[in-house]
Amino acid sequence: MIKKISQASMIAVLLSASTTWAASFDCDKAAATDEKAICAHRALNDMDVKMALLFELDKRFVPMGGRDALIDQQKAWLRQRQACGARVACLTGVYQQRIETLRDIIDTRVVTHGPF
């Protein structure tokens, strides 16, 4: 319960930030077509916020050996996102998949084996 409250607080803080920022990049500096599409569509921007938050949480919670793999997976996912270009349906799908994967890491590796 406390984790859900703290996650909700972090999301609220990120959402209240400047509207020119997605979670993982500055929309004012967006050059790639996928980034421009994310900045132009509120739902994609919100997914980016959620994904970035989950990624940062996962990096903190997984053991050191798992962090390198997690970062490599994120880089591969970013290439997949970039391949979508400006196609909103494609971007939505890759975000949904990544968010599910990152949540699964918390559910299976952290909650069941957590430091608490």
N, C-alpha and C. Protein backbone atom coordinates (compact mmCIF):
# COMPACT_ATOMS: atom_id res chain seq x y z
N MET A 1 0.82 -1.19 0.00
CA MET A 1 0.00 0.00 0.00
C MET A 1 0.87 1.26 0.00
N ILE A 2 1.91 1.25 0.83
CA ILE A 2 2.80 2.41 0.89
C ILE A 2 3.48 2.61 -0.45
N LYS A 3 3.86 1.50 -1.11
CA LYS A 3 4.52 1.60 -2.40
C LYS A 3 3.60 2.25 -3.43
N LYS A 4 2.32 1.88 -3.42
CA LYS A 4 1.37 2.46 -4.37
C LYS A 4 1.20 3.95 -4.11
N ILE A 5 1.18 4.34 -2.86
CA ILE A 5 1.05 5.76 -2.53
C ILE A 5 2.28 6.52 -2.99
N SER A 6 3.47 5.97 -2.74
CA SER A 6 4.68 6.68 -3.15
C SER A 6 4.79 6.74 -4.67
N GLN A 7 4.38 5.68 -5.38
CA GLN A 7 4.38 5.71 -6.84
C GLN A 7 3.41 6.76 -7.34
N ALA A 8 2.23 6.82 -6.74
CA ALA A 8 1.25 7.82 -7.15
C ALA A 8 1.77 9.22 -6.90
N SER A 9 2.48 9.42 -5.79
CA SER A 9 3.05 10.74 -5.50
C SER A 9 4.09 11.12 -6.53
N MET A 10 4.95 10.16 -6.90
CA MET A 10 5.99 10.44 -7.89
C MET A 10 5.36 10.76 -9.25
N ILE A 11 4.33 10.03 -9.63
CA ILE A 11 3.66 10.29 -10.90
C ILE A 11 3.03 11.68 -10.88
N ALA A 12 2.40 12.04 -9.77
CA ALA A 12 1.79 13.37 -9.66
C ALA A 12 2.82 14.48 -9.82
N VAL A 13 3.97 14.29 -9.23
CA VAL A 13 5.04 15.29 -9.34
C VAL A 13 5.50 15.40 -10.79
N LEU A 14 5.70 14.27 -11.44
CA LEU A 14 6.14 14.29 -12.84
C LEU A 14 5.09 14.92 -13.74
N LEU A 15 3.82 14.63 -13.49
CA LEU A 15 2.76 15.19 -14.32
C LEU A 15 2.58 16.68 -14.11
N SER A 16 2.93 17.18 -12.94
CA SER A 16 2.78 18.60 -12.68
C SER A 16 3.94 19.41 -13.22
N ALA A 17 4.96 18.77 -13.74
CA ALA A 17 6.11 19.46 -14.31
C ALA A 17 5.69 20.17 -15.59
N SER A 18 6.59 20.94 -16.13
CA SER A 18 6.35 21.69 -17.36
C SER A 18 5.80 20.79 -18.45
N THR A 19 4.84 21.28 -19.22
CA THR A 19 4.24 20.49 -20.29
C THR A 19 5.19 20.29 -21.46
N THR A 20 6.32 20.95 -21.48
CA THR A 20 7.26 20.74 -22.57
C THR A 20 8.20 19.57 -22.28
N TRP A 21 7.99 18.90 -21.20
CA TRP A 21 8.82 17.75 -20.85
C TRP A 21 8.01 16.48 -20.87
N ALA A 22 8.49 15.49 -21.56
CA ALA A 22 8.03 14.13 -21.35
C ALA A 22 8.94 13.60 -20.24
N ALA A 23 8.72 12.43 -19.79
CA ALA A 23 9.52 11.93 -18.66
C ALA A 23 10.96 11.68 -19.05
N SER A 24 11.20 11.26 -20.27
CA SER A 24 12.54 10.83 -20.60
C SER A 24 13.31 11.76 -21.54
N PHE A 25 12.70 12.86 -21.95
CA PHE A 25 13.40 13.80 -22.83
C PHE A 25 12.71 15.15 -22.82
N ASP A 26 13.40 16.16 -23.29
CA ASP A 26 12.89 17.52 -23.37
C ASP A 26 12.15 17.69 -24.71
N CYS A 27 10.86 17.93 -24.65
CA CYS A 27 10.07 18.07 -25.88
C CYS A 27 10.52 19.26 -26.73
N ASP A 28 11.07 20.29 -26.10
CA ASP A 28 11.57 21.42 -26.88
C ASP A 28 12.76 21.04 -27.76
N LYS A 29 13.43 19.96 -27.40
CA LYS A 29 14.59 19.50 -28.17
C LYS A 29 14.29 18.24 -28.98
N ALA A 30 13.04 17.83 -29.01
CA ALA A 30 12.66 16.61 -29.74
C ALA A 30 12.95 16.79 -31.22
N ALA A 31 13.72 15.87 -31.77
CA ALA A 31 14.06 15.91 -33.19
C ALA A 31 13.52 14.69 -33.93
N ALA A 32 13.54 13.56 -33.27
CA ALA A 32 13.09 12.32 -33.89
C ALA A 32 11.56 12.31 -34.01
N THR A 33 11.07 11.61 -35.02
CA THR A 33 9.63 11.59 -35.26
C THR A 33 8.87 10.93 -34.11
N ASP A 34 9.46 9.90 -33.49
CA ASP A 34 8.77 9.27 -32.36
C ASP A 34 8.66 10.24 -31.18
N GLU A 35 9.71 10.98 -30.92
CA GLU A 35 9.68 11.94 -29.82
C GLU A 35 8.67 13.06 -30.08
N LYS A 36 8.62 13.54 -31.31
CA LYS A 36 7.65 14.59 -31.65
C LYS A 36 6.22 14.09 -31.47
N ALA A 37 5.97 12.85 -31.85
CA ALA A 37 4.63 12.28 -31.70
C ALA A 37 4.27 12.13 -30.22
N ILE A 38 5.22 11.73 -29.41
CA ILE A 38 4.99 11.58 -27.97
C ILE A 38 4.65 12.93 -27.35
N CYS A 39 5.37 13.95 -27.75
CA CYS A 39 5.12 15.29 -27.22
C CYS A 39 3.78 15.85 -27.69
N ALA A 40 3.34 15.44 -28.87
CA ALA A 40 2.10 15.96 -29.44
C ALA A 40 0.85 15.26 -28.93
N HIS A 41 1.00 14.10 -28.33
CA HIS A 41 -0.15 13.31 -27.88
C HIS A 41 -0.07 13.09 -26.38
N ARG A 42 -1.02 13.67 -25.67
CA ARG A 42 -1.02 13.60 -24.21
C ARG A 42 -0.97 12.17 -23.68
N ALA A 43 -1.72 11.27 -24.31
CA ALA A 43 -1.74 9.88 -23.83
C ALA A 43 -0.36 9.24 -23.96
N LEU A 44 0.34 9.51 -25.05
CA LEU A 44 1.69 8.97 -25.22
C LEU A 44 2.65 9.61 -24.22
N ASN A 45 2.49 10.91 -24.00
CA ASN A 45 3.32 11.61 -23.03
C ASN A 45 3.12 10.99 -21.64
N ASP A 46 1.86 10.72 -21.29
CA ASP A 46 1.58 10.12 -20.00
C ASP A 46 2.19 8.72 -19.89
N MET A 47 2.14 7.96 -20.98
CA MET A 47 2.77 6.63 -20.97
C MET A 47 4.28 6.75 -20.81
N ASP A 48 4.86 7.78 -21.43
CA ASP A 48 6.30 7.99 -21.29
C ASP A 48 6.66 8.30 -19.83
N VAL A 49 5.83 9.09 -19.18
CA VAL A 49 6.05 9.40 -17.77
C VAL A 49 6.01 8.12 -16.94
N LYS A 50 4.98 7.32 -17.16
CA LYS A 50 4.82 6.08 -16.40
C LYS A 50 5.98 5.12 -16.67
N MET A 51 6.36 4.97 -17.94
CA MET A 51 7.44 4.07 -18.29
C MET A 51 8.75 4.52 -17.65
N ALA A 52 9.05 5.80 -17.73
CA ALA A 52 10.30 6.31 -17.17
C ALA A 52 10.35 6.13 -15.66
N LEU A 53 9.23 6.36 -15.00
CA LEU A 53 9.16 6.17 -13.56
C LEU A 53 9.40 4.70 -13.19
N LEU A 54 8.72 3.80 -13.88
CA LEU A 54 8.91 2.38 -13.60
C LEU A 54 10.34 1.94 -13.88
N PHE A 55 10.93 2.45 -14.95
CA PHE A 55 12.31 2.10 -15.28
C PHE A 55 13.26 2.55 -14.17
N GLU A 56 13.08 3.77 -13.69
CA GLU A 56 13.93 4.27 -12.61
C GLU A 56 13.74 3.46 -11.32
N LEU A 57 12.50 3.09 -11.02
CA LEU A 57 12.25 2.26 -9.84
C LEU A 57 12.91 0.90 -10.00
N ASP A 58 12.75 0.29 -11.15
CA ASP A 58 13.35 -1.02 -11.39
C ASP A 58 14.87 -0.97 -11.26
N LYS A 59 15.49 0.09 -11.80
CA LYS A 59 16.95 0.21 -11.68
C LYS A 59 17.39 0.25 -10.23
N ARG A 60 16.58 0.84 -9.38
CA ARG A 60 16.94 0.94 -7.96
C ARG A 60 16.72 -0.37 -7.22
N PHE A 61 15.74 -1.15 -7.66
CA PHE A 61 15.36 -2.34 -6.92
C PHE A 61 16.04 -3.63 -7.37
N VAL A 62 16.43 -3.73 -8.64
CA VAL A 62 17.04 -4.98 -9.09
C VAL A 62 18.49 -5.05 -8.60
N PRO A 63 18.99 -6.26 -8.37
CA PRO A 63 20.38 -6.40 -7.94
C PRO A 63 21.33 -5.89 -9.02
N MET A 64 22.56 -5.59 -8.62
CA MET A 64 23.54 -4.99 -9.54
C MET A 64 23.67 -5.77 -10.84
N GLY A 65 23.74 -7.08 -10.78
CA GLY A 65 23.87 -7.88 -12.00
C GLY A 65 22.70 -7.71 -12.94
N GLY A 66 21.54 -7.41 -12.41
CA GLY A 66 20.36 -7.24 -13.24
C GLY A 66 20.24 -5.86 -13.84
N ARG A 67 20.94 -4.88 -13.30
CA ARG A 67 20.83 -3.51 -13.81
C ARG A 67 21.38 -3.39 -15.22
N ASP A 68 22.51 -4.01 -15.48
CA ASP A 68 23.08 -3.93 -16.83
C ASP A 68 22.13 -4.54 -17.85
N ALA A 69 21.53 -5.67 -17.50
CA ALA A 69 20.58 -6.30 -18.40
C ALA A 69 19.35 -5.41 -18.60
N LEU A 70 18.88 -4.80 -17.53
CA LEU A 70 17.73 -3.90 -17.61
C LEU A 70 18.03 -2.70 -18.52
N ILE A 71 19.22 -2.14 -18.38
CA ILE A 71 19.61 -1.00 -19.21
C ILE A 71 19.74 -1.42 -20.67
N ASP A 72 20.30 -2.60 -20.92
CA ASP A 72 20.39 -3.11 -22.29
C ASP A 72 19.00 -3.32 -22.89
N GLN A 73 18.07 -3.84 -22.09
CA GLN A 73 16.70 -4.04 -22.56
C GLN A 73 16.04 -2.70 -22.87
N GLN A 74 16.33 -1.69 -22.07
CA GLN A 74 15.75 -0.37 -22.30
C GLN A 74 16.29 0.23 -23.61
N LYS A 75 17.57 0.05 -23.86
CA LYS A 75 18.15 0.55 -25.11
C LYS A 75 17.52 -0.15 -26.31
N ALA A 76 17.30 -1.45 -26.20
CA ALA A 76 16.65 -2.20 -27.29
C ALA A 76 15.21 -1.71 -27.48
N TRP A 77 14.54 -1.46 -26.37
CA TRP A 77 13.17 -0.94 -26.45
C TRP A 77 13.14 0.44 -27.10
N LEU A 78 14.10 1.29 -26.78
CA LEU A 78 14.15 2.62 -27.39
C LEU A 78 14.32 2.52 -28.91
N ARG A 79 15.10 1.55 -29.37
CA ARG A 79 15.24 1.34 -30.82
C ARG A 79 13.90 0.90 -31.42
N GLN A 80 13.18 0.06 -30.68
CA GLN A 80 11.86 -0.39 -31.13
C GLN A 80 10.89 0.79 -31.19
N ARG A 81 10.92 1.64 -30.17
CA ARG A 81 10.06 2.82 -30.16
C ARG A 81 10.40 3.73 -31.33
N GLN A 82 11.67 3.93 -31.58
CA GLN A 82 12.10 4.80 -32.67
C GLN A 82 11.63 4.26 -34.01
N ALA A 83 11.60 2.94 -34.15
CA ALA A 83 11.16 2.33 -35.41
C ALA A 83 9.69 2.61 -35.70
N CYS A 84 8.92 2.95 -34.68
CA CYS A 84 7.50 3.29 -34.88
C CYS A 84 7.34 4.62 -35.61
N GLY A 85 8.35 5.47 -35.53
CA GLY A 85 8.21 6.79 -36.12
C GLY A 85 7.07 7.55 -35.46
N ALA A 86 6.21 8.16 -36.25
CA ALA A 86 5.10 8.96 -35.72
C ALA A 86 3.80 8.18 -35.63
N ARG A 87 3.85 6.87 -35.86
CA ARG A 87 2.63 6.06 -35.83
C ARG A 87 2.16 5.87 -34.39
N VAL A 88 1.09 6.55 -34.04
CA VAL A 88 0.59 6.57 -32.67
C VAL A 88 0.19 5.17 -32.19
N ALA A 89 -0.46 4.40 -33.03
CA ALA A 89 -0.88 3.05 -32.63
C ALA A 89 0.34 2.18 -32.31
N CYS A 90 1.37 2.29 -33.10
CA CYS A 90 2.60 1.54 -32.86
C CYS A 90 3.26 1.99 -31.55
N LEU A 91 3.36 3.28 -31.37
CA LEU A 91 3.95 3.82 -30.14
C LEU A 91 3.15 3.40 -28.91
N THR A 92 1.83 3.44 -29.02
CA THR A 92 0.98 3.02 -27.91
C THR A 92 1.25 1.56 -27.56
N GLY A 93 1.35 0.72 -28.57
CA GLY A 93 1.62 -0.69 -28.35
C GLY A 93 2.96 -0.96 -27.69
N VAL A 94 4.01 -0.30 -28.16
CA VAL A 94 5.33 -0.55 -27.57
C VAL A 94 5.39 0.00 -26.14
N TYR A 95 4.72 1.11 -25.88
CA TYR A 95 4.68 1.63 -24.51
C TYR A 95 3.91 0.68 -23.59
N GLN A 96 2.76 0.20 -24.04
CA GLN A 96 1.99 -0.72 -23.21
C GLN A 96 2.79 -1.96 -22.87
N GLN A 97 3.50 -2.49 -23.86
CA GLN A 97 4.31 -3.68 -23.65
C GLN A 97 5.46 -3.41 -22.67
N ARG A 98 6.13 -2.28 -22.82
CA ARG A 98 7.26 -1.96 -21.94
C ARG A 98 6.79 -1.71 -20.51
N ILE A 99 5.69 -0.99 -20.37
CA ILE A 99 5.15 -0.73 -19.03
C ILE A 99 4.79 -2.05 -18.35
N GLU A 100 4.18 -2.95 -19.08
CA GLU A 100 3.83 -4.26 -18.52
C GLU A 100 5.08 -5.02 -18.09
N THR A 101 6.11 -4.99 -18.92
CA THR A 101 7.37 -5.67 -18.60
C THR A 101 8.00 -5.07 -17.35
N LEU A 102 8.04 -3.75 -17.26
CA LEU A 102 8.65 -3.10 -16.10
C LEU A 102 7.84 -3.33 -14.83
N ARG A 103 6.52 -3.35 -14.95
CA ARG A 103 5.68 -3.67 -13.78
C ARG A 103 5.91 -5.10 -13.33
N ASP A 104 6.07 -5.99 -14.29
CA ASP A 104 6.29 -7.40 -13.98
C ASP A 104 7.58 -7.59 -13.19
N ILE A 105 8.59 -6.80 -13.51
CA ILE A 105 9.86 -6.88 -12.77
C ILE A 105 9.61 -6.53 -11.31
N ILE A 106 8.85 -5.49 -11.07
CA ILE A 106 8.54 -5.11 -9.69
C ILE A 106 7.72 -6.20 -9.01
N ASP A 107 6.72 -6.71 -9.70
CA ASP A 107 5.84 -7.71 -9.10
C ASP A 107 6.56 -9.03 -8.81
N THR A 108 7.42 -9.46 -9.71
CA THR A 108 8.04 -10.78 -9.53
C THR A 108 9.39 -10.75 -8.84
N ARG A 109 10.15 -9.70 -9.01
CA ARG A 109 11.50 -9.67 -8.43
C ARG A 109 11.60 -8.84 -7.17
N VAL A 110 10.74 -7.85 -7.04
CA VAL A 110 10.86 -6.94 -5.90
C VAL A 110 9.86 -7.31 -4.81
N VAL A 111 8.60 -7.35 -5.16
CA VAL A 111 7.56 -7.60 -4.17
C VAL A 111 7.75 -8.97 -3.51
N THR A 112 8.09 -9.98 -4.29
CA THR A 112 8.23 -11.34 -3.73
C THR A 112 9.55 -11.54 -3.00
N HIS A 113 10.59 -10.74 -3.30
CA HIS A 113 11.89 -10.93 -2.69
C HIS A 113 12.41 -9.67 -2.01
N GLY A 114 11.56 -8.68 -1.91
CA GLY A 114 11.95 -7.35 -1.46
C GLY A 114 12.81 -7.28 -0.20
N PRO A 115 13.37 -6.13 0.02
CA PRO A 115 14.26 -5.93 1.15
C PRO A 115 13.50 -5.65 2.44
N PHE A 116 12.20 -5.91 2.48
CA PHE A 116 11.39 -5.57 3.64
C PHE A 116 11.06 -6.76 4.45
